[in-house]
Protein backbone atom coordinates (compact mmCIF):
# COMPACT_ATOMS: atom_id res chain seq x y z
CA MET A 1 19.61 -49.24 20.73
CA ARG A 2 18.37 -46.56 23.60
CA THR A 3 21.05 -44.12 21.88
CA LYS A 4 20.47 -44.57 18.29
CA GLN A 5 16.92 -43.70 19.17
CA LEU A 6 18.09 -40.51 21.18
CA LEU A 7 20.24 -39.33 18.68
CA ARG A 8 17.74 -39.57 15.80
CA LEU A 9 15.16 -37.41 17.94
CA THR A 10 18.24 -35.44 18.65
CA ILE A 11 18.96 -35.24 14.87
CA VAL A 12 15.33 -34.70 14.08
CA LEU A 13 14.90 -31.48 16.42
CA LEU A 14 17.77 -29.82 15.34
CA CYS A 15 16.72 -30.15 11.76
CA LEU A 16 13.78 -28.89 12.84
CA ALA A 17 15.03 -25.82 14.82
CA CYS A 18 16.86 -24.76 11.56
CA LEU A 19 13.69 -23.65 10.04
CA PRO A 20 12.90 -19.93 10.11
CA SER A 21 12.32 -18.69 13.73
CA THR A 22 9.62 -15.93 12.04
CA ALA A 23 7.73 -19.45 9.98
CA CYS A 24 7.78 -21.40 12.82
CA ALA A 25 6.32 -19.29 15.25
CA GLN A 26 3.49 -18.02 12.23
CA GLU A 27 2.88 -20.84 9.62
CA TYR A 28 4.28 -24.25 11.53
CA ARG A 29 3.75 -26.26 14.67
CA ASP A 30 5.13 -29.20 15.98
CA VAL A 31 3.43 -32.84 16.08
CA VAL A 32 4.51 -35.27 18.31
CA PHE A 33 3.28 -38.98 17.10
CA LEU A 34 3.43 -41.62 20.14
CA LYS A 35 3.38 -45.26 19.83
CA ASN A 36 -0.26 -45.27 21.26
CA GLY A 37 -1.34 -43.84 18.58
CA SER A 38 -1.69 -40.31 20.11
CA VAL A 39 -1.01 -36.74 18.66
CA ILE A 40 0.44 -33.80 20.44
CA LYS A 41 0.53 -30.83 18.48
CA GLY A 42 1.91 -27.67 20.22
CA PHE A 43 5.54 -25.99 20.47
CA TYR A 44 8.30 -28.38 21.89
CA LYS A 45 10.03 -26.30 24.73
CA GLU A 46 12.72 -28.04 26.01
CA LEU A 47 15.05 -31.22 25.70
CA TYR A 48 16.61 -33.39 28.21
CA PRO A 49 19.15 -35.80 26.32
CA SER A 50 19.15 -38.00 29.04
CA ASP A 51 14.83 -39.51 28.66
CA SER A 52 12.19 -36.66 27.73
CA LEU A 53 10.71 -33.98 25.96
CA ARG A 54 9.03 -31.08 27.32
CA MET A 55 6.16 -29.60 24.79
CA GLU A 56 3.82 -26.21 25.06
CA THR A 57 0.57 -27.69 23.62
CA ILE A 58 -1.98 -25.43 21.86
CA ASP A 59 -4.04 -25.26 24.18
CA GLY A 60 -1.69 -23.83 26.62
CA GLY A 61 -0.92 -26.92 28.57
CA VAL A 62 2.94 -28.56 29.53
CA LEU A 63 3.36 -32.22 28.76
CA VAL A 64 6.40 -34.22 28.97
CA CYS A 65 6.94 -36.94 26.69
CA ALA A 66 9.66 -39.96 27.38
CA PHE A 67 11.84 -40.76 24.42
CA SER A 68 10.48 -44.31 24.73
CA ASP A 69 7.16 -43.22 24.22
CA ILE A 70 7.74 -41.43 20.87
CA GLU A 71 7.07 -42.39 17.67
CA ARG A 72 7.97 -39.59 15.57
CA ILE A 73 8.06 -35.97 15.13
CA ALA A 74 7.50 -33.14 12.62
CA LYS A 75 6.47 -30.23 11.86
CA GLU A 76 2.21 -29.08 10.49
CA ARG A 77 1.82 -25.83 8.45
CA VAL A 78 -1.28 -24.04 10.43
CA ARG A 79 -2.27 -21.56 7.64
CA ILE A 80 -5.94 -21.62 9.23
CA TYR A 81 -4.30 -20.70 12.97
CA VAL A 82 -2.68 -17.78 11.23
CA VAL A 83 -5.70 -16.44 9.49
CA ASN A 84 -8.20 -16.89 12.30
CA THR A 85 -5.07 -15.20 14.41
CA GLN A 86 -5.35 -12.02 11.62
CA GLU A 87 -8.80 -11.64 12.06
CA ASP A 88 -9.43 -11.67 15.66
CA ASN A 89 -6.73 -8.26 15.26
CA LEU A 90 -8.81 -6.94 12.58
CA LEU A 91 -11.92 -7.13 14.61
CA ALA A 92 -9.70 -5.72 17.88
CA HIS A 93 -8.41 -2.74 15.79
CA ARG A 94 -11.53 -2.26 13.37
CA ASN A 95 -9.49 -3.21 10.57
CA TRP A 96 -12.92 -4.56 8.53
CA HIS A 97 -12.12 -1.60 6.13
CA PRO A 98 -8.59 -0.20 5.34
CA ARG A 99 -7.47 1.32 2.63
CA ARG A 100 -10.18 -0.15 0.01
CA TYR A 101 -13.30 0.17 -1.68
CA VAL A 102 -16.54 0.23 0.34
CA GLY A 103 -19.82 -0.58 -0.17
CA SER A 104 -23.23 -0.23 1.43
CA ILE A 105 -26.60 -0.79 1.43
CA GLU A 106 -29.46 0.66 3.93
CA TYR A 107 -33.09 0.96 4.80
CA GLY A 108 -34.41 4.36 5.97
CA ARG A 109 -37.20 6.31 7.28
CA ASP A 110 -37.75 9.93 7.99
CA VAL A 111 -40.52 11.43 9.60
CA ASN A 112 -41.79 15.26 8.52
CA ALA A 113 -41.27 17.95 11.55
CA ALA A 114 -44.30 19.86 10.58
CA ASP A 115 -46.61 17.18 10.29
CA SER A 116 -45.97 13.64 10.89
CA ARG A 117 -48.33 12.40 8.70
CA ILE A 118 -45.83 12.96 6.07
CA VAL A 119 -43.39 9.79 5.83
CA THR A 120 -40.69 9.18 3.88
CA SER A 121 -39.42 5.40 3.67
CA GLY A 122 -36.59 4.57 0.92
CA LEU A 123 -33.30 2.43 0.26
CA PHE A 124 -29.96 3.59 -0.15
CA THR A 125 -26.73 2.23 -1.65
CA VAL A 126 -23.68 4.12 -1.50
CA HIS A 127 -20.23 3.15 -3.03
CA GLY A 128 -16.79 4.36 -2.91
CA TYR A 129 -13.42 4.92 -0.97
CA GLN A 130 -12.14 3.98 2.41
CA PHE A 131 -9.58 6.31 3.05
CA TYR A 132 -7.95 4.23 6.29
CA PRO A 133 -8.78 4.84 9.04
CA PHE A 134 -10.99 7.83 9.79
CA LEU A 135 -12.35 9.07 6.51
CA PHE A 136 -14.96 7.32 3.81
CA LEU A 137 -15.72 9.21 0.65
CA GLY A 138 -18.42 7.70 -2.07
CA LEU A 139 -21.41 8.64 -4.43
CA GLY A 140 -24.84 7.08 -3.21
CA LEU A 141 -28.02 6.78 -5.11
CA GLY A 142 -31.57 6.32 -3.29
CA ILE A 143 -35.18 5.44 -3.62
CA GLN A 144 -37.60 6.74 -1.43
CA HIS A 145 -41.27 6.89 -1.04
CA ILE A 146 -43.55 10.06 0.24
CA GLU A 147 -46.90 9.35 1.86
CA TYR A 148 -49.19 11.96 2.86
CA GLU A 149 -53.01 10.95 4.78
CA ASN A 150 -55.52 13.10 5.97
CA ASP A 151 -58.33 11.24 7.48
CA GLY A 152 -60.35 14.05 8.24
CA LEU A 153 -60.42 15.66 4.98
CA LYS A 154 -60.42 12.45 3.21
CA MET A 155 -57.40 13.38 0.87
CA SER A 156 -54.10 11.26 0.51
CA TYR A 157 -50.68 11.05 -1.99
CA SER A 158 -47.42 9.49 -2.34
CA GLU A 159 -44.93 10.05 -4.62
CA SER A 160 -41.34 8.35 -5.51
CA THR A 161 -38.26 10.31 -5.13
CA ILE A 162 -34.94 9.32 -6.46
CA PRO A 163 -31.55 11.63 -4.93
CA LEU A 164 -28.43 11.11 -6.24
CA PHE A 165 -25.83 12.21 -3.87
CA ALA A 166 -22.02 12.45 -2.46
CA ASP A 167 -21.23 10.95 0.80
CA ALA A 168 -18.81 11.63 3.39
CA LYS A 169 -18.17 9.71 6.75
CA ILE A 170 -15.62 10.47 9.41
CA TYR A 171 -15.21 8.06 12.24
CA LEU A 172 -14.22 8.86 15.65
CA LEU A 173 -12.16 6.02 17.11
CA LYS A 174 -10.36 3.01 15.71
CA THR A 175 -12.11 0.61 17.61
CA ARG A 176 -14.47 -2.53 16.31
CA ILE A 177 -17.71 -0.44 17.75
CA SER A 178 -16.74 3.79 16.55
CA PRO A 179 -19.43 6.14 16.42
CA PHE A 180 -19.07 8.78 13.18
CA ILE A 181 -20.39 11.70 11.61
CA GLU A 182 -22.01 11.86 8.03
CA GLY A 183 -22.92 14.51 5.63
CA ARG A 184 -24.92 13.77 2.71
CA ALA A 185 -25.63 16.24 -0.33
CA GLY A 186 -27.24 16.12 -3.70
CA TYR A 187 -30.26 16.33 -5.99
CA SER A 188 -33.32 14.39 -5.92
CA ILE A 189 -33.29 13.63 -9.84
CA LYS A 190 -37.31 12.15 -10.17
CA GLY A 191 -40.63 12.81 -8.56
CA PHE A 192 -40.26 15.61 -6.23
CA LYS A 193 -37.26 17.11 -8.04
CA GLY A 194 -34.71 19.57 -5.26
CA PHE A 195 -32.40 19.74 -3.55
CA TYR A 196 -31.31 16.91 -0.92
CA LEU A 197 -29.04 16.72 1.95
CA ASN A 198 -29.51 14.58 5.16
CA PRO A 199 -26.29 15.60 8.13
CA SER A 200 -26.43 12.52 10.42
CA ALA A 201 -24.50 10.98 13.37
CA GLY A 202 -24.31 7.35 13.92
CA MET A 203 -22.82 4.34 15.23
CA SER A 204 -20.53 1.28 13.06
CA PHE A 205 -20.20 -2.10 14.35
CA GLY A 206 -17.86 -4.93 12.89
CA ILE A 207 -18.84 -8.00 12.35
CA SER A 208 -16.51 -9.17 10.36
CA PRO A 209 -13.00 -8.02 8.56
CA LYS A 210 -14.63 -6.49 6.21
CA THR A 211 -18.38 -5.95 7.15
CA ALA A 212 -19.81 -3.65 9.23
CA GLY A 213 -23.43 -3.01 10.36
CA TYR A 214 -24.17 0.89 11.03
CA LEU A 215 -27.17 2.89 12.80
CA THR A 216 -27.66 6.77 12.07
CA LEU A 217 -29.95 9.62 13.48
CA GLY A 218 -30.07 13.03 12.05
CA TYR A 219 -31.64 15.89 9.97
CA SER A 220 -33.08 15.56 6.71
CA PHE A 221 -34.25 17.76 3.88
CA GLN A 222 -36.07 17.60 1.01
CA GLN A 223 -36.55 20.25 -1.50
CA LEU A 224 -39.62 20.20 -3.36
CA LYS A 225 -39.60 22.22 -6.53
CA GLY A 226 -42.81 23.32 -8.07
CA HIS A 227 -45.01 21.57 -5.06
CA GLU A 228 -45.70 24.22 -2.64
CA ASP A 229 -48.20 23.35 0.76
CA GLU A 230 -50.64 25.84 2.15
CA THR A 231 -48.38 27.63 4.29
CA GLY A 232 -46.20 28.44 0.95
CA LYS A 233 -43.08 25.85 1.73
CA ASP A 234 -41.89 23.71 -1.56
CA ASP A 235 -39.67 21.43 1.48
CA LEU A 236 -39.84 18.42 3.94
CA GLU A 237 -37.48 18.97 6.96
CA GLY A 238 -37.76 16.14 9.30
CA ILE A 239 -35.86 13.61 11.82
CA SER A 240 -33.87 10.96 9.23
CA PHE A 241 -33.10 6.88 10.77
CA ARG A 242 -31.14 4.58 8.56
CA VAL A 243 -29.94 0.78 8.95
CA GLY A 244 -27.53 -0.32 6.93
CA LEU A 245 -24.89 -3.26 6.32
CA MET A 246 -21.03 -1.99 4.77
CA PHE A 247 -19.07 -4.62 2.60
């Protein structure tokens, strides 16, 4: 009886070994069902024909199972395990944006360099193509609100602008957290119309294989055609801050 059991287990192990090695390494693992109801998952490493089987468990441990305690052995498909491993690699190498469409949405705030009482805030969205791994090119649209208050003169004004612009990002590293340089240039098509420019430097950080957050700090320029102030200037220049999410 013991000889038949040993022969049966040997045949099972040989059949399992006939599966393609790459598939076993990537998509399958061994499952040993014991007579006491326990289940051991991992990869069998050595077979001792006289009495036992040596297993490497999925948590890295080593277990020796006596043939007399084994009820049956099977293979288990582990697609979820493979996906998680791939996602870990993607996060490690910043492949959350391989060659593909990439969109983003962000909140921005600008403070005028000449007069800090002039503050611009707005929402922006950019959509384009990621040329893996260092270059992104796209088009963007923003809705900005410019506010000015002068308590001494008892005056205030506000105006909205809609800049339409081209956007380019150059990433400096392939890591999950990477600095980048960004440039935006376009034209405001509503409200204060005129040339729009926003070069900046930033930092991106991967959240998942397909999403990332980012922060930027830069220089903002908005031409204000037909809206000269008391100094004769018709533009706003200042420091810009942006926080956003790429997907």
